[in-house]
């Protein structure tokens, strides 16, 4: 079964509020088998429009588990904190077998 990845490109405009979100996300992700592969860090755009400036990648055991995490009651209870403190995009992609 292919892994699933939740990938987000985030521009934080309220770091204090955003920190309340990031404090809770790892535990919720872990309960769905997720682990952070990328959580911000150094970034250099090589082609196309600049990403980020904050890129996050969370690996899950499957595409379905990544969607279950995002749609879970636990995550939906905090996603509004991120949306209030930042702008960006998030998507789920299936990994290669």
N, C-alpha and C. Protein backbone atom coordinates (compact mmCIF):
# COMPACT_ATOMS: atom_id res chain seq x y z
N UNK A 1 0.84 -1.17 0.00
CA UNK A 1 0.00 0.00 0.00
C UNK A 1 0.90 1.25 0.00
N UNK A 2 0.55 2.21 -0.83
CA UNK A 2 1.33 3.45 -0.93
C UNK A 2 1.08 4.34 0.27
N UNK A 3 2.13 5.04 0.66
CA UNK A 3 2.02 6.02 1.75
C UNK A 3 1.19 7.21 1.28
N UNK A 4 0.71 8.00 2.22
CA UNK A 4 0.01 9.24 1.92
C UNK A 4 0.74 10.40 2.56
N UNK A 5 0.72 11.54 1.90
CA UNK A 5 1.42 12.72 2.40
C UNK A 5 0.47 13.90 2.42
N UNK A 6 0.43 14.58 3.55
CA UNK A 6 -0.24 15.86 3.63
C UNK A 6 0.86 16.91 3.48
N UNK A 7 0.70 17.78 2.49
CA UNK A 7 1.69 18.81 2.20
C UNK A 7 1.01 20.17 2.32
N UNK A 8 1.65 21.06 3.04
CA UNK A 8 1.10 22.40 3.21
C UNK A 8 2.17 23.45 2.94
N UNK A 9 1.76 24.54 2.31
CA UNK A 9 2.60 25.71 2.10
C UNK A 9 1.93 26.85 2.86
N UNK A 10 2.60 27.37 3.86
CA UNK A 10 1.97 28.27 4.82
C UNK A 10 2.77 29.56 4.95
N UNK A 11 2.06 30.67 5.03
CA UNK A 11 2.66 31.98 5.32
C UNK A 11 2.05 32.45 6.63
N UNK A 12 2.81 32.40 7.69
CA UNK A 12 2.34 32.74 9.04
C UNK A 12 2.40 34.25 9.24
N UNK A 13 1.26 34.84 9.62
CA UNK A 13 1.24 36.27 9.91
C UNK A 13 0.97 36.57 11.38
N UNK A 14 0.66 35.53 12.17
CA UNK A 14 0.46 35.68 13.61
C UNK A 14 1.16 34.50 14.31
N UNK A 15 2.48 34.61 14.53
CA UNK A 15 3.24 33.49 15.10
C UNK A 15 2.75 33.03 16.47
N UNK A 16 2.29 33.92 17.29
CA UNK A 16 1.83 33.53 18.63
C UNK A 16 0.61 32.62 18.55
N UNK A 17 -0.35 32.98 17.73
CA UNK A 17 -1.53 32.13 17.55
C UNK A 17 -1.17 30.84 16.84
N UNK A 18 -0.31 30.93 15.83
CA UNK A 18 0.11 29.75 15.07
C UNK A 18 0.79 28.73 15.99
N UNK A 19 1.53 29.20 16.97
CA UNK A 19 2.21 28.30 17.91
C UNK A 19 1.21 27.46 18.69
N UNK A 20 0.02 27.97 18.94
CA UNK A 20 -1.02 27.20 19.64
C UNK A 20 -1.47 26.02 18.77
N UNK A 21 -1.48 26.23 17.47
CA UNK A 21 -1.84 25.19 16.52
C UNK A 21 -0.72 24.15 16.43
N UNK A 22 0.53 24.61 16.25
CA UNK A 22 1.64 23.67 16.07
C UNK A 22 1.93 22.84 17.32
N UNK A 23 1.53 23.33 18.47
CA UNK A 23 1.72 22.57 19.71
C UNK A 23 0.82 21.33 19.75
N UNK A 24 -0.31 21.39 19.05
CA UNK A 24 -1.30 20.31 19.11
C UNK A 24 -1.23 19.33 17.93
N UNK A 25 -0.73 19.80 16.80
CA UNK A 25 -0.78 19.01 15.57
C UNK A 25 0.00 17.70 15.63
N UNK A 26 1.24 17.66 16.16
CA UNK A 26 2.00 16.40 16.13
C UNK A 26 1.28 15.24 16.84
N UNK A 27 0.67 15.49 17.96
CA UNK A 27 -0.02 14.43 18.69
C UNK A 27 -1.22 13.89 17.92
N UNK A 28 -1.96 14.79 17.29
CA UNK A 28 -3.12 14.36 16.50
C UNK A 28 -2.64 13.57 15.30
N UNK A 29 -1.62 14.07 14.60
CA UNK A 29 -1.10 13.35 13.43
C UNK A 29 -0.60 11.96 13.83
N UNK A 30 0.11 11.88 14.94
CA UNK A 30 0.65 10.59 15.40
C UNK A 30 -0.47 9.59 15.67
N UNK A 31 -1.61 10.05 16.15
CA UNK A 31 -2.71 9.13 16.42
C UNK A 31 -3.29 8.53 15.14
N UNK A 32 -2.96 9.09 13.99
CA UNK A 32 -3.37 8.55 12.69
C UNK A 32 -2.18 7.93 11.96
N UNK A 33 -1.09 7.71 12.68
CA UNK A 33 0.11 7.10 12.10
C UNK A 33 0.99 8.09 11.37
N UNK A 34 0.73 9.39 11.55
CA UNK A 34 1.48 10.41 10.84
C UNK A 34 2.76 10.80 11.55
N UNK A 35 3.77 11.13 10.74
CA UNK A 35 5.00 11.68 11.29
C UNK A 35 5.48 12.81 10.39
N UNK A 36 6.01 13.83 11.01
CA UNK A 36 6.49 14.99 10.27
C UNK A 36 7.79 14.63 9.56
N UNK A 37 7.83 14.86 8.26
CA UNK A 37 9.01 14.66 7.45
C UNK A 37 9.70 16.01 7.25
N UNK A 38 8.91 17.05 7.02
CA UNK A 38 9.39 18.42 6.85
C UNK A 38 8.50 19.31 7.70
N UNK A 39 9.14 20.17 8.48
CA UNK A 39 8.38 21.11 9.30
C UNK A 39 9.13 22.44 9.26
N UNK A 40 8.91 23.18 8.16
CA UNK A 40 9.60 24.45 7.89
C UNK A 40 11.05 24.15 7.58
N UNK A 41 11.99 24.91 8.07
CA UNK A 41 13.39 24.71 7.75
C UNK A 41 13.79 25.49 6.51
N UNK A 42 15.02 25.32 6.13
CA UNK A 42 15.59 26.05 5.00
C UNK A 42 14.86 25.67 3.71
N UNK A 43 14.59 26.66 2.87
CA UNK A 43 13.84 26.46 1.64
C UNK A 43 14.45 27.31 0.53
N UNK A 44 14.64 26.71 -0.62
CA UNK A 44 15.10 27.46 -1.79
C UNK A 44 14.28 27.02 -2.99
N UNK A 45 13.59 27.95 -3.62
CA UNK A 45 12.79 27.65 -4.81
C UNK A 45 13.72 27.55 -6.01
N UNK A 46 13.65 26.44 -6.73
CA UNK A 46 14.51 26.23 -7.88
C UNK A 46 13.80 26.53 -9.21
N UNK A 47 12.51 26.35 -9.25
CA UNK A 47 11.73 26.63 -10.46
C UNK A 47 10.34 27.08 -10.06
N UNK A 48 9.71 27.90 -10.89
CA UNK A 48 8.33 28.31 -10.68
C UNK A 48 8.18 29.33 -9.57
N UNK A 49 6.93 29.52 -9.17
CA UNK A 49 6.61 30.48 -8.12
C UNK A 49 7.16 29.99 -6.78
N UNK A 50 7.55 30.93 -5.97
CA UNK A 50 8.11 30.59 -4.66
C UNK A 50 7.07 29.89 -3.80
N UNK A 51 7.47 28.83 -3.14
CA UNK A 51 6.60 28.12 -2.20
C UNK A 51 6.74 28.75 -0.83
N UNK A 52 5.77 28.47 -0.01
CA UNK A 52 5.95 28.77 1.40
C UNK A 52 5.58 30.16 1.83
N UNK A 53 6.34 30.74 2.72
CA UNK A 53 7.72 30.42 3.08
C UNK A 53 7.87 29.23 4.03
N UNK A 54 6.80 28.66 4.51
CA UNK A 54 6.86 27.52 5.42
C UNK A 54 6.22 26.33 4.71
N UNK A 55 6.98 25.26 4.54
CA UNK A 55 6.47 24.04 3.92
C UNK A 55 6.47 22.94 4.97
N UNK A 56 5.36 22.20 5.02
CA UNK A 56 5.21 21.11 5.97
C UNK A 56 4.81 19.86 5.20
N UNK A 57 5.45 18.74 5.52
CA UNK A 57 5.09 17.45 4.92
C UNK A 57 4.91 16.46 6.07
N UNK A 58 3.72 15.84 6.12
CA UNK A 58 3.44 14.80 7.12
C UNK A 58 3.18 13.51 6.37
N UNK A 59 3.92 12.47 6.73
CA UNK A 59 3.78 11.16 6.10
C UNK A 59 2.81 10.30 6.91
N UNK A 60 1.90 9.62 6.20
CA UNK A 60 0.92 8.73 6.82
C UNK A 60 1.03 7.34 6.19
N UNK A 61 0.54 6.32 6.89
CA UNK A 61 0.63 4.95 6.36
C UNK A 61 -0.08 4.76 5.03
N UNK A 62 -1.05 5.64 4.72
CA UNK A 62 -1.78 5.53 3.46
C UNK A 62 -2.44 6.87 3.14
N UNK A 63 -2.86 7.00 1.91
CA UNK A 63 -3.61 8.18 1.46
C UNK A 63 -4.88 8.33 2.31
N UNK A 64 -5.57 7.21 2.53
CA UNK A 64 -6.81 7.24 3.32
C UNK A 64 -6.57 7.73 4.74
N UNK A 65 -5.46 7.30 5.36
CA UNK A 65 -5.18 7.76 6.74
C UNK A 65 -4.87 9.25 6.77
N UNK A 66 -4.21 9.76 5.74
CA UNK A 66 -3.95 11.20 5.67
C UNK A 66 -5.26 11.98 5.62
N UNK A 67 -6.21 11.50 4.81
CA UNK A 67 -7.52 12.15 4.74
C UNK A 67 -8.29 12.01 6.05
N UNK A 68 -8.19 10.84 6.69
CA UNK A 68 -8.84 10.64 7.98
C UNK A 68 -8.31 11.63 9.01
N UNK A 69 -7.00 11.84 9.03
CA UNK A 69 -6.41 12.83 9.92
C UNK A 69 -7.00 14.21 9.66
N UNK A 70 -6.95 14.66 8.41
CA UNK A 70 -7.42 16.01 8.08
C UNK A 70 -8.89 16.19 8.43
N UNK A 71 -9.69 15.19 8.17
CA UNK A 71 -11.14 15.29 8.40
C UNK A 71 -11.57 14.91 9.81
N UNK A 72 -10.64 14.50 10.64
CA UNK A 72 -10.99 14.06 12.00
C UNK A 72 -11.54 15.20 12.84
N UNK A 73 -12.36 14.86 13.80
CA UNK A 73 -12.89 15.86 14.73
C UNK A 73 -11.76 16.57 15.48
N UNK A 74 -10.72 15.81 15.84
CA UNK A 74 -9.61 16.38 16.60
C UNK A 74 -8.89 17.46 15.78
N UNK A 75 -8.60 17.16 14.51
CA UNK A 75 -7.89 18.13 13.70
C UNK A 75 -8.79 19.30 13.31
N UNK A 76 -10.02 19.00 12.97
CA UNK A 76 -10.94 20.08 12.59
C UNK A 76 -11.18 21.05 13.74
N UNK A 77 -11.00 20.58 14.98
CA UNK A 77 -11.16 21.45 16.14
C UNK A 77 -10.04 22.49 16.23
N UNK A 78 -8.88 22.23 15.58
CA UNK A 78 -7.76 23.19 15.66
C UNK A 78 -7.40 23.84 14.33
N UNK A 79 -7.90 23.33 13.22
CA UNK A 79 -7.51 23.87 11.92
C UNK A 79 -7.87 25.35 11.79
N UNK A 80 -8.93 25.77 12.44
CA UNK A 80 -9.30 27.19 12.41
C UNK A 80 -8.24 28.09 13.04
N UNK A 81 -7.50 27.56 13.99
CA UNK A 81 -6.40 28.33 14.59
C UNK A 81 -5.35 28.63 13.52
N UNK A 82 -4.98 27.61 12.75
CA UNK A 82 -4.01 27.81 11.66
C UNK A 82 -4.55 28.79 10.63
N UNK A 83 -5.79 28.64 10.27
CA UNK A 83 -6.38 29.50 9.24
C UNK A 83 -6.47 30.95 9.71
N UNK A 84 -6.67 31.16 11.00
CA UNK A 84 -6.72 32.51 11.54
C UNK A 84 -5.33 33.14 11.57
N UNK A 85 -4.30 32.34 11.79
CA UNK A 85 -2.94 32.84 11.98
C UNK A 85 -2.09 32.84 10.72
N UNK A 86 -2.62 32.29 9.61
CA UNK A 86 -1.79 32.14 8.42
C UNK A 86 -2.66 32.06 7.16
N UNK A 87 -1.99 32.12 6.03
CA UNK A 87 -2.64 31.84 4.75
C UNK A 87 -1.79 30.76 4.07
N UNK A 88 -2.39 30.07 3.13
CA UNK A 88 -1.63 29.05 2.43
C UNK A 88 -2.52 28.01 1.80
N UNK A 89 -1.93 26.88 1.48
CA UNK A 89 -2.67 25.78 0.87
C UNK A 89 -2.21 24.47 1.49
N UNK A 90 -3.08 23.48 1.42
CA UNK A 90 -2.76 22.15 1.92
C UNK A 90 -3.41 21.13 1.01
N UNK A 91 -2.71 20.03 0.79
CA UNK A 91 -3.27 18.98 -0.04
C UNK A 91 -2.70 17.64 0.38
N UNK A 92 -3.39 16.58 -0.03
CA UNK A 92 -2.95 15.21 0.25
C UNK A 92 -2.57 14.57 -1.08
N UNK A 93 -1.46 13.86 -1.08
CA UNK A 93 -0.99 13.18 -2.29
C UNK A 93 -0.59 11.75 -1.94
N UNK A 94 -0.86 10.83 -2.85
CA UNK A 94 -0.47 9.44 -2.65
C UNK A 94 0.98 9.25 -3.04
N UNK A 95 1.74 8.54 -2.22
CA UNK A 95 3.13 8.25 -2.52
C UNK A 95 3.28 7.18 -3.57
N UNK A 96 4.47 7.08 -4.11
CA UNK A 96 4.77 6.05 -5.11
C UNK A 96 4.94 4.71 -4.41
N UNK A 97 4.44 3.66 -5.03
CA UNK A 97 4.62 2.30 -4.50
C UNK A 97 6.04 1.85 -4.70
